[in-house]
PDB file of N, CA and C in Angstrom:
ATOM      1  N   MET A   1     160.685 155.141  40.840  1.00  0.00           N
ATOM      2  CA  MET A   1     159.491 154.331  40.550  1.00  0.00           C
ATOM      3  C   MET A   1     158.370 154.595  41.349  1.00  0.00           C
ATOM      4  N   THR A   2     157.612 155.554  40.553  1.00  0.00           N
ATOM      5  CA  THR A   2     156.598 156.124  40.970  1.00  0.00           C
ATOM      6  C   THR A   2     155.284 155.509  40.542  1.00  0.00           C
ATOM      7  N   HIS A   3     154.511 155.298  41.711  1.00  0.00           N
ATOM      8  CA  HIS A   3     153.304 154.765  41.262  1.00  0.00           C
ATOM      9  C   HIS A   3     152.075 155.611  41.420  1.00  0.00           C
ATOM     10  N   ASP A   4     151.102 155.782  40.641  1.00  0.00           N
ATOM     11  CA  ASP A   4     149.902 156.946  40.577  1.00  0.00           C
ATOM     12  C   ASP A   4     148.859 155.972  41.060  1.00  0.00           C
ATOM     13  N   HIS A   5     148.215 156.255  42.400  1.00  0.00           N
ATOM     14  CA  HIS A   5     146.994 155.397  42.533  1.00  0.00           C
ATOM     15  C   HIS A   5     145.792 156.062  42.151  1.00  0.00           C
ATOM     16  N   ALA A   6     145.786 157.421  41.624  1.00  0.00           N
ATOM     17  CA  ALA A   6     144.722 158.148  41.227  1.00  0.00           C
ATOM     18  C   ALA A   6     144.151 157.445  39.936  1.00  0.00           C
ATOM     19  N   SER A   7     145.160 156.822  39.063  1.00  0.00           N
ATOM     20  CA  SER A   7     144.653 156.333  37.853  1.00  0.00           C
ATOM     21  C   SER A   7     144.257 154.803  37.867  1.00  0.00           C
ATOM     22  N   HIS A   8     144.027 154.378  38.877  1.00  0.00           N
ATOM     23  CA  HIS A   8     143.461 153.068  39.198  1.00  0.00           C
ATOM     24  C   HIS A   8     141.911 153.350  39.622  1.00  0.00           C
ATOM     25  N   PRO A   9     140.869 152.995  39.301  1.00  0.00           N
ATOM     26  CA  PRO A   9     139.433 152.855  39.717  1.00  0.00           C
ATOM     27  C   PRO A   9     139.354 152.393  40.889  1.00  0.00           C
ATOM     28  N   GLN A  10     138.754 153.136  41.834  1.00  0.00           N
ATOM     29  CA  GLN A  10     138.503 152.754  43.450  1.00  0.00           C
ATOM     30  C   GLN A  10     136.921 151.843  43.228  1.00  0.00           C
ATOM     31  N   GLY A  11     136.735 151.583  42.231  1.00  0.00           N
ATOM     32  CA  GLY A  11     135.277 151.081  42.446  1.00  0.00           C
ATOM     33  C   GLY A  11     134.218 152.001  42.033  1.00  0.00           C
ATOM     34  N   VAL A  12     132.749 151.618  41.442  1.00  0.00           N
ATOM     35  CA  VAL A  12     131.835 152.274  40.883  1.00  0.00           C
ATOM     36  C   VAL A  12     131.450 153.284  41.839  1.00  0.00           C
ATOM     37  N   GLN A  13     131.294 154.316  41.656  1.00  0.00           N
ATOM     38  CA  GLN A  13     130.666 155.509  42.550  1.00  0.00           C
ATOM     39  C   GLN A  13     129.316 155.012  43.002  1.00  0.00           C
ATOM     40  N   GLY A  14     129.074 154.987  44.361  1.00  0.00           N
ATOM     41  CA  GLY A  14     127.830 154.588  44.707  1.00  0.00           C
ATOM     42  C   GLY A  14     127.600 153.330  45.122  1.00  0.00           C
ATOM     43  N   GLU A  15     128.594 152.241  44.749  1.00  0.00           N
ATOM     44  CA  GLU A  15     128.115 151.057  45.027  1.00  0.00           C
ATOM     45  C   GLU A  15     128.710 150.823  46.921  1.00  0.00           C
ATOM     46  N   GLN A  16     127.777 150.409  47.674  1.00  0.00           N
ATOM     47  CA  GLN A  16     127.878 150.151  49.008  1.00  0.00           C
ATOM     48  C   GLN A  16     128.758 148.630  48.961  1.00  0.00           C
ATOM     49  N   PRO A  17     129.519 148.919  50.198  1.00  0.00           N
ATOM     50  CA  PRO A  17     130.458 147.701  50.971  1.00  0.00           C
ATOM     51  C   PRO A  17     129.336 146.497  51.120  1.00  0.00           C
ATOM     52  N   VAL A  18     129.930 145.418  50.633  1.00  0.00           N
ATOM     53  CA  VAL A  18     129.041 144.220  51.174  1.00  0.00           C
ATOM     54  C   VAL A  18     129.266 143.902  52.576  1.00  0.00           C
ATOM     55  N   GLY A  19     127.996 143.697  53.245  1.00  0.00           N
ATOM     56  CA  GLY A  19     128.256 143.272  54.793  1.00  0.00           C
ATOM     57  C   GLY A  19     129.046 141.949  54.861  1.00  0.00           C
ATOM     58  N   PHE A  20     129.080 141.735  56.179  1.00  0.00           N
ATOM     59  CA  PHE A  20     129.680 140.320  56.430  1.00  0.00           C
ATOM     60  C   PHE A  20     128.985 139.069  56.322  1.00  0.00           C
ATOM     61  N   TRP A  21     127.433 139.474  56.489  1.00  0.00           N
ATOM     62  CA  TRP A  21     126.529 138.232  56.346  1.00  0.00           C
ATOM     63  C   TRP A  21     125.970 137.815  54.949  1.00  0.00           C
ATOM     64  N   ARG A  22     126.589 139.171  53.940  1.00  0.00           N
ATOM     65  CA  ARG A  22     126.297 138.509  52.535  1.00  0.00           C
ATOM     66  C   ARG A  22     127.846 138.095  52.018  1.00  0.00           C
ATOM     67  N   SER A  23     128.781 137.804  52.499  1.00  0.00           N
ATOM     68  CA  SER A  23     129.962 137.743  52.125  1.00  0.00           C
ATOM     69  C   SER A  23     130.238 136.129  51.949  1.00  0.00           C
ATOM     70  N   ARG A  24     131.169 135.973  51.041  1.00  0.00           N
ATOM     71  CA  ARG A  24     131.613 134.431  51.175  1.00  0.00           C
ATOM     72  C   ARG A  24     132.257 133.737  52.351  1.00  0.00           C
ATOM     73  N   TYR A  25     132.655 134.849  53.223  1.00  0.00           N
ATOM     74  CA  TYR A  25     133.130 134.016  54.533  1.00  0.00           C
ATOM     75  C   TYR A  25     132.082 133.869  55.311  1.00  0.00           C
ATOM     76  N   ALA A  26     130.750 134.461  55.183  1.00  0.00           N
ATOM     77  CA  ALA A  26     129.388 134.140  55.794  1.00  0.00           C
ATOM     78  C   ALA A  26     129.173 132.708  55.637  1.00  0.00           C
ATOM     79  N   VAL A  27     129.116 132.309  54.377  1.00  0.00           N
ATOM     80  CA  VAL A  27     128.860 131.435  53.833  1.00  0.00           C
ATOM     81  C   VAL A  27     129.585 129.974  54.117  1.00  0.00           C
ATOM     82  N   GLY A  28     130.770 130.183  54.094  1.00  0.00           N
ATOM     83  CA  GLY A  28     131.767 129.374  54.774  1.00  0.00           C
ATOM     84  C   GLY A  28     131.380 128.918  56.216  1.00  0.00           C
ATOM     85  N   LEU A  29     131.272 130.065  57.192  1.00  0.00           N
ATOM     86  CA  LEU A  29     131.207 130.124  58.597  1.00  0.00           C
ATOM     87  C   LEU A  29     129.883 129.227  58.751  1.00  0.00           C
ATOM     88  N   PHE A  30     128.805 129.580  57.780  1.00  0.00           N
ATOM     89  CA  PHE A  30     127.372 128.766  57.974  1.00  0.00           C
ATOM     90  C   PHE A  30     127.567 126.915  57.604  1.00  0.00           C
ATOM     91  N   VAL A  31     128.192 127.204  56.405  1.00  0.00           N
ATOM     92  CA  VAL A  31     128.426 125.448  56.090  1.00  0.00           C
ATOM     93  C   VAL A  31     129.352 124.839  57.359  1.00  0.00           C
ATOM     94  N   PHE A  32     130.293 125.412  57.754  1.00  0.00           N
ATOM     95  CA  PHE A  32     130.977 124.952  58.895  1.00  0.00           C
ATOM     96  C   PHE A  32     130.076 124.734  60.025  1.00  0.00           C
ATOM     97  N   GLY A  33     129.638 125.661  60.306  1.00  0.00           N
ATOM     98  CA  GLY A  33     128.460 125.507  61.629  1.00  0.00           C
ATOM     99  C   GLY A  33     127.614 124.112  61.570  1.00  0.00           C
ATOM    100  N   ALA A  34     127.089 124.232  60.384  1.00  0.00           N
ATOM    101  CA  ALA A  34     126.221 123.135  59.955  1.00  0.00           C
ATOM    102  C   ALA A  34     126.561 122.082  60.017  1.00  0.00           C
ATOM    103  N   VAL A  35     127.821 121.874  59.544  1.00  0.00           N
ATOM    104  CA  VAL A  35     128.539 120.417  59.545  1.00  0.00           C
ATOM    105  C   VAL A  35     128.831 119.884  61.054  1.00  0.00           C
ATOM    106  N   ALA A  36     129.381 121.001  61.812  1.00  0.00           N
ATOM    107  CA  ALA A  36     130.005 120.669  62.898  1.00  0.00           C
ATOM    108  C   ALA A  36     128.447 120.342  63.690  1.00  0.00           C
ATOM    109  N   GLY A  37     127.400 121.186  63.764  1.00  0.00           N
ATOM    110  CA  GLY A  37     126.263 120.934  64.442  1.00  0.00           C
ATOM    111  C   GLY A  37     125.742 119.713  64.334  1.00  0.00           C
ATOM    112  N   TYR A  38     125.785 119.129  62.979  1.00  0.00           N
ATOM    113  CA  TYR A  38     125.179 117.805  62.798  1.00  0.00           C
ATOM    114  C   TYR A  38     125.914 116.806  63.354  1.00  0.00           C
ATOM    115  N   PHE A  39     127.325 116.770  63.273  1.00  0.00           N
ATOM    116  CA  PHE A  39     127.966 115.927  64.044  1.00  0.00           C
ATOM    117  C   PHE A  39     128.172 115.541  65.295  1.00  0.00           C
ATOM    118  N   LEU A  40     128.004 117.152  66.092  1.00  0.00           N
ATOM    119  CA  LEU A  40     127.882 117.210  67.329  1.00  0.00           C
ATOM    120  C   LEU A  40     126.343 116.522  67.871  1.00  0.00           C
ATOM    121  N   TRP A  41     125.312 116.566  66.960  1.00  0.00           N
ATOM    122  CA  TRP A  41     123.646 116.191  67.358  1.00  0.00           C
ATOM    123  C   TRP A  41     123.927 114.439  66.815  1.00  0.00           C
ATOM    124  N   THR A  42     124.640 114.085  66.077  1.00  0.00           N
ATOM    125  CA  THR A  42     124.731 112.812  65.933  1.00  0.00           C
ATOM    126  C   THR A  42     125.257 111.708  66.843  1.00  0.00           C
ATOM    127  N   GLU A  43     126.682 112.434  67.674  1.00  0.00           N
ATOM    128  CA  GLU A  43     127.350 111.727  68.529  1.00  0.00           C
ATOM    129  C   GLU A  43     126.845 111.877  69.824  1.00  0.00           C
ATOM    130  N   HIS A  44     126.211 113.123  69.994  1.00  0.00           N
ATOM    131  CA  HIS A  44     125.801 113.616  71.217  1.00  0.00           C
ATOM    132  C   HIS A  44     124.367 113.029  71.771  1.00  0.00           C
ATOM    133  N   ARG A  45     123.622 112.630  70.701  1.00  0.00           N
ATOM    134  CA  ARG A  45     122.157 112.687  70.905  1.00  0.00           C
ATOM    135  C   ARG A  45     121.502 111.542  72.200  1.00  0.00           C
ATOM    136  N   ALA A  46     122.164 110.546  72.350  1.00  0.00           N
ATOM    137  CA  ALA A  46     121.818 109.642  73.419  1.00  0.00           C
ATOM    138  C   ALA A  46     121.906 110.131  74.671  1.00  0.00           C
ATOM    139  N   HIS A  47     122.801 111.171  75.372  1.00  0.00           N
ATOM    140  CA  HIS A  47     122.941 111.546  76.561  1.00  0.00           C
ATOM    141  C   HIS A  47     122.499 112.870  76.385  1.00  0.00           C
ATOM    142  N   LEU A  48     122.296 113.669  75.484  1.00  0.00           N
ATOM    143  CA  LEU A  48     121.240 114.967  75.323  1.00  0.00           C
ATOM    144  C   LEU A  48     119.823 114.711  75.443  1.00  0.00           C
ATOM    145  N   GLU A  49     119.143 113.643  74.904  1.00  0.00           N
ATOM    146  CA  GLU A  49     117.819 113.432  74.999  1.00  0.00           C
ATOM    147  C   GLU A  49     117.408 113.501  76.326  1.00  0.00           C
ATOM    148  N   GLN A  50     117.923 112.978  77.499  1.00  0.00           N
ATOM    149  CA  GLN A  50     117.710 112.885  78.849  1.00  0.00           C
ATOM    150  C   GLN A  50     117.423 114.290  79.446  1.00  0.00           C
ATOM    151  N   TRP A  51     118.030 115.146  78.867  1.00  0.00           N
ATOM    152  CA  TRP A  51     117.813 116.591  79.306  1.00  0.00           C
ATOM    153  C   TRP A  51     116.542 117.417  78.677  1.00  0.00           C
ATOM    154  N   TRP A  52     115.825 116.875  77.677  1.00  0.00           N
ATOM    155  CA  TRP A  52     114.717 117.683  77.535  1.00  0.00           C
ATOM    156  C   TRP A  52     113.624 118.067  78.239  1.00  0.00           C
ATOM    157  N   PRO A  53     113.247 117.168  78.933  1.00  0.00           N
ATOM    158  CA  PRO A  53     112.335 117.677  79.861  1.00  0.00           C
ATOM    159  C   PRO A  53     112.659 118.845  80.847  1.00  0.00           C
ATOM    160  N   TYR A  54     113.857 118.834  81.294  1.00  0.00           N
ATOM    161  CA  TYR A  54     114.541 120.058  82.120  1.00  0.00           C
ATOM    162  C   TYR A  54     114.640 121.195  81.421  1.00  0.00           C
ATOM    163  N   ALA A  55     115.126 121.332  79.911  1.00  0.00           N
ATOM    164  CA  ALA A  55     115.122 122.265  78.944  1.00  0.00           C
ATOM    165  C   ALA A  55     113.872 122.805  78.969  1.00  0.00           C
ATOM    166  N   LEU A  56     112.800 121.845  78.556  1.00  0.00           N
ATOM    167  CA  LEU A  56     111.584 122.774  78.414  1.00  0.00           C
ATOM    168  C   LEU A  56     110.837 123.419  79.987  1.00  0.00           C
ATOM    169  N   LEU A  57     111.318 122.702  81.048  1.00  0.00           N
ATOM    170  CA  LEU A  57     111.151 123.612  82.112  1.00  0.00           C
ATOM    171  C   LEU A  57     111.825 124.569  82.604  1.00  0.00           C
ATOM    172  N   LEU A  58     113.137 124.590  82.052  1.00  0.00           N
ATOM    173  CA  LEU A  58     113.974 125.607  81.940  1.00  0.00           C
ATOM    174  C   LEU A  58     113.275 127.062  81.119  1.00  0.00           C
ATOM    175  N   ALA A  59     112.657 126.706  80.043  1.00  0.00           N
ATOM    176  CA  ALA A  59     112.363 127.441  79.102  1.00  0.00           C
ATOM    177  C   ALA A  59     111.209 128.366  79.642  1.00  0.00           C
ATOM    178  N   CYS A  60     110.449 127.893  80.333  1.00  0.00           N
ATOM    179  CA  CYS A  60     109.437 128.528  80.731  1.00  0.00           C
ATOM    180  C   CYS A  60     109.880 129.993  81.559  1.00  0.00           C
ATOM    181  N   PRO A  61     110.661 129.816  82.605  1.00  0.00           N
ATOM    182  CA  PRO A  61     110.745 131.082  83.283  1.00  0.00           C
ATOM    183  C   PRO A  61     111.462 131.962  82.515  1.00  0.00           C
ATOM    184  N   LEU A  62     112.685 131.465  81.320  1.00  0.00           N
ATOM    185  CA  LEU A  62     113.562 132.156  80.787  1.00  0.00           C
ATOM    186  C   LEU A  62     112.678 133.398  79.737  1.00  0.00           C
ATOM    187  N   MET A  63     111.564 132.434  79.204  1.00  0.00           N
ATOM    188  CA  MET A  63     110.803 132.957  78.329  1.00  0.00           C
ATOM    189  C   MET A  63     109.873 134.296  78.882  1.00  0.00           C
ATOM    190  N   HIS A  64     109.561 133.928  80.372  1.00  0.00           N
ATOM    191  CA  HIS A  64     108.896 135.015  80.887  1.00  0.00           C
ATOM    192  C   HIS A  64     109.740 136.299  81.168  1.00  0.00           C
ATOM    193  N   VAL A  65     111.094 136.004  81.689  1.00  0.00           N
ATOM    194  CA  VAL A  65     111.967 137.138  81.810  1.00  0.00           C
ATOM    195  C   VAL A  65     112.111 137.849  80.664  1.00  0.00           C
ATOM    196  N   PHE A  66     112.406 137.067  79.945  1.00  0.00           N
ATOM    197  CA  PHE A  66     112.809 137.701  78.523  1.00  0.00           C
ATOM    198  C   PHE A  66     111.589 138.529  77.439  1.00  0.00           C
ATOM    199  N   MET A  67     110.545 138.042  77.751  1.00  0.00           N
ATOM    200  CA  MET A  67     109.284 138.719  76.924  1.00  0.00           C
ATOM    201  C   MET A  67     108.730 139.365  77.788  1.00  0.00           C
ATOM    202  N   HIS A  68     108.697 139.546  78.994  1.00  0.00           N
ATOM    203  CA  HIS A  68     108.500 140.653  79.997  1.00  0.00           C
ATOM    204  C   HIS A  68     109.233 141.859  80.029  1.00  0.00           C
ATOM    205  N   LYS A  69     110.427 141.971  79.219  1.00  0.00           N
ATOM    206  CA  LYS A  69     111.418 143.216  79.241  1.00  0.00           C
ATOM    207  C   LYS A  69     111.117 143.997  78.215  1.00  0.00           C
ATOM    208  N   GLY A  70     110.178 143.419  76.987  1.00  0.00           N
ATOM    209  CA  GLY A  70     109.795 144.414  76.024  1.00  0.00           C
ATOM    210  C   GLY A  70     108.816 145.589  76.824  1.00  0.00           C
ATOM    211  N   HIS A  71     107.824 145.194  77.251  1.00  0.00           N
ATOM    212  CA  HIS A  71     106.958 146.003  77.983  1.00  0.00           C
ATOM    213  C   HIS A  71     106.825 146.282  79.364  1.00  0.00           C
ATOM    214  N   GLY A  72     108.031 146.409  79.957  1.00  0.00           N
ATOM    215  CA  GLY A  72     108.012 146.927  81.144  1.00  0.00           C
ATOM    216  C   GLY A  72     107.753 146.166  82.401  1.00  0.00           C
ATOM    217  N   GLY A  73     107.434 144.807  82.015  1.00  0.00           N
ATOM    218  CA  GLY A  73     107.118 144.042  83.428  1.00  0.00           C
ATOM    219  C   GLY A  73     105.763 144.195  83.730  1.00  0.00           C
ATOM    220  N   HIS A  74     105.396 143.575  84.754  1.00  0.00           N
ATOM    221  CA  HIS A  74     103.847 143.577  85.044  1.00  0.00           C
ATOM    222  C   HIS A  74     103.484 144.936  85.484  1.00  0.00           C
ATOM    223  N   GLY A  75     102.052 144.972  85.641  1.00  0.00           N
ATOM    224  CA  GLY A  75     101.384 146.486  86.066  1.00  0.00           C
ATOM    225  C   GLY A  75     101.881 147.438  84.821  1.00  0.00           C
ATOM    226  N   GLY A  76     101.004 148.530  85.257  1.00  0.00           N
ATOM    227  CA  GLY A  76     101.405 149.488  84.142  1.00  0.00           C
ATOM    228  C   GLY A  76     101.023 149.373  82.787  1.00  0.00           C
ATOM    229  N   HIS A  77      99.766 148.594  82.728  1.00  0.00           N
ATOM    230  CA  HIS A  77      99.783 147.976  81.283  1.00  0.00           C
ATOM    231  C   HIS A  77      98.469 148.941  80.499  1.00  0.00           C
ATOM    232  N   GLY A  78      98.072 149.719  81.307  1.00  0.00           N
ATOM    233  CA  GLY A  78      96.867 150.607  80.983  1.00  0.00           C
ATOM    234  C   GLY A  78      95.673 149.805  80.854  1.00  0.00           C
ATOM    235  N   GLY A  79      95.042 149.348  79.687  1.00  0.00           N
ATOM    236  CA  GLY A  79      93.920 148.824  79.188  1.00  0.00           C
ATOM    237  C   GLY A  79      94.109 147.154  79.580  1.00  0.00           C
ATOM    238  N   HIS A  80      95.274 146.810  79.617  1.00  0.00           N
ATOM    239  CA  HIS A  80      95.307 145.455  80.165  1.00  0.00           C
ATOM    240  C   HIS A  80      95.136 144.895  81.077  1.00  0.00           C
ATOM    241  N   GLY A  81      94.669 145.478  82.082  1.00  0.00           N
ATOM    242  CA  GLY A  81      94.141 145.234  83.431  1.00  0.00           C
ATOM    243  C   GLY A  81      95.306 144.310  84.700  1.00  0.00           C
ATOM    244  N   GLY A  82      96.504 144.517  84.418  1.00  0.00           N
ATOM    245  CA  GLY A  82      97.334 143.937  85.234  1.00  0.00           C
ATOM    246  C   GLY A  82      98.148 142.720  84.388  1.00  0.00           C
ATOM    247  N   GLY A  83      99.164 142.124  85.444  1.00  0.00           N
ATOM    248  CA  GLY A  83      99.831 141.345  84.616  1.00  0.00           C
ATOM    249  C   GLY A  83      99.291 139.778  84.700  1.00  0.00           C
ATOM    250  N   PHE A  84      98.094 139.579  85.549  1.00  0.00           N
ATOM    251  CA  PHE A  84      97.819 138.281  85.583  1.00  0.00           C
ATOM    252  C   PHE A  84      96.110 138.460  85.220  1.00  0.00           C
ATOM    253  N   GLY A  85      95.879 139.555  84.479  1.00  0.00           N
ATOM    254  CA  GLY A  85      94.399 139.210  83.761  1.00  0.00           C
ATOM    255  C   GLY A  85      93.489 139.631  85.008  1.00  0.00           C
ATOM    256  N   GLY A  86      93.794 140.460  86.337  1.00  0.00           N
ATOM    257  CA  GLY A  86      93.234 140.721  87.499  1.00  0.00           C
ATOM    258  C   GLY A  86      92.860 139.823  88.114  1.00  0.00           C
ATOM    259  N   LEU A  87      93.469 138.424  88.367  1.00  0.00           N
ATOM    260  CA  LEU A  87      93.312 137.253  89.268  1.00  0.00           C
ATOM    261  C   LEU A  87      94.383 137.959  90.383  1.00  0.00           C
ATOM    262  N   GLY A  88      93.789 137.642  91.333  1.00  0.00           N
ATOM    263  CA  GLY A  88      94.615 138.091  92.856  1.00  0.00           C
ATOM    264  C   GLY A  88      94.596 139.543  93.022  1.00  0.00           C
ATOM    265  N   ARG A  89      93.746 140.427  92.366  1.00  0.00           N
ATOM    266  CA  ARG A  89      93.992 141.929  92.660  1.00  0.00           C
ATOM    267  C   ARG A  89      93.029 142.264  93.644  1.00  0.00           C
ATOM    268  N   ARG A  90      93.313 142.902  94.933  1.00  0.00           N
ATOM    269  CA  ARG A  90      92.419 143.411  95.655  1.00  0.00           C
ATOM    270  C   ARG A  90      91.812 144.843  95.437  1.00  0.00           C
ATOM    271  N   THR A  91      90.364 144.907  95.216  1.00  0.00           N
ATOM    272  CA  THR A  91      89.687 146.072  94.967  1.00  0.00           C
ATOM    273  C   THR A  91      89.318 146.869  96.097  1.00  0.00           C
ATOM    274  N   GLU A  92      88.974 147.848  95.959  1.00  0.00           N
ATOM    275  CA  GLU A  92      88.354 148.825  97.247  1.00  0.00           C
ATOM    276  C   GLU A  92      87.360 148.161  97.903  1.00  0.00           C
ATOM    277  N   GLN A  93      86.383 147.581  97.240  1.00  0.00           N
ATOM    278  CA  GLN A  93      85.259 146.733  97.959  1.00  0.00           C
ATOM    279  C   GLN A  93      85.640 145.542  98.779  1.00  0.00           C
ATOM    280  N   ASP A  94      86.797 145.069  98.467  1.00  0.00           N
ATOM    281  CA  ASP A  94      87.280 143.908  99.175  1.00  0.00           C
ATOM    282  C   ASP A  94      87.731 144.566 100.087  1.00  0.00           C
ATOM    283  N   SER A  95      88.574 145.554 100.305  1.00  0.00           N
ATOM    284  CA  SER A  95      89.063 145.927 101.480  1.00  0.00           C
ATOM    285  C   SER A  95      87.985 146.312 102.459  1.00  0.00           C
ATOM    286  N   ASN A  96      87.116 146.973 102.227  1.00  0.00           N
ATOM    287  CA  ASN A  96      86.232 147.279 102.976  1.00  0.00           C
ATOM    288  C   ASN A  96      85.205 146.294 103.614  1.00  0.00           C
ATOM    289  N   GLY A  97      85.438 145.163 103.088  1.00  0.00           N
ATOM    290  CA  GLY A  97      84.635 144.017 103.703  1.00  0.00           C
ATOM    291  C   GLY A  97      83.157 143.992 103.048  1.00  0.00           C
ATOM    292  N   SER A  98      82.840 144.706 102.093  1.00  0.00           N
ATOM    293  CA  SER A  98      81.629 144.612 101.483  1.00  0.00           C
ATOM    294  C   SER A  98      81.185 143.774 100.170  1.00  0.00           C
TER     295      SER A  98
END
């Protein structure tokens, strides 16, 4: 009982394998997540709404930390003039008292 695998086509030459996010499993995962999210939101909306002000306040420092990571933080901006638009920077004139 020999079976020749070479006689079966392995697919069209040049065909790329489909990634996970374009597969039917990803669609199922997305639908499952959407349904779960809907039910979580409808069941827990009343006690989650009280936390919105705190979430907005927490978003400010988080955005600051993650957005400044992309260009190296404060200082060293070249033509930008510093992290706070020049506010609070001392010049040579200020330190001389003139």
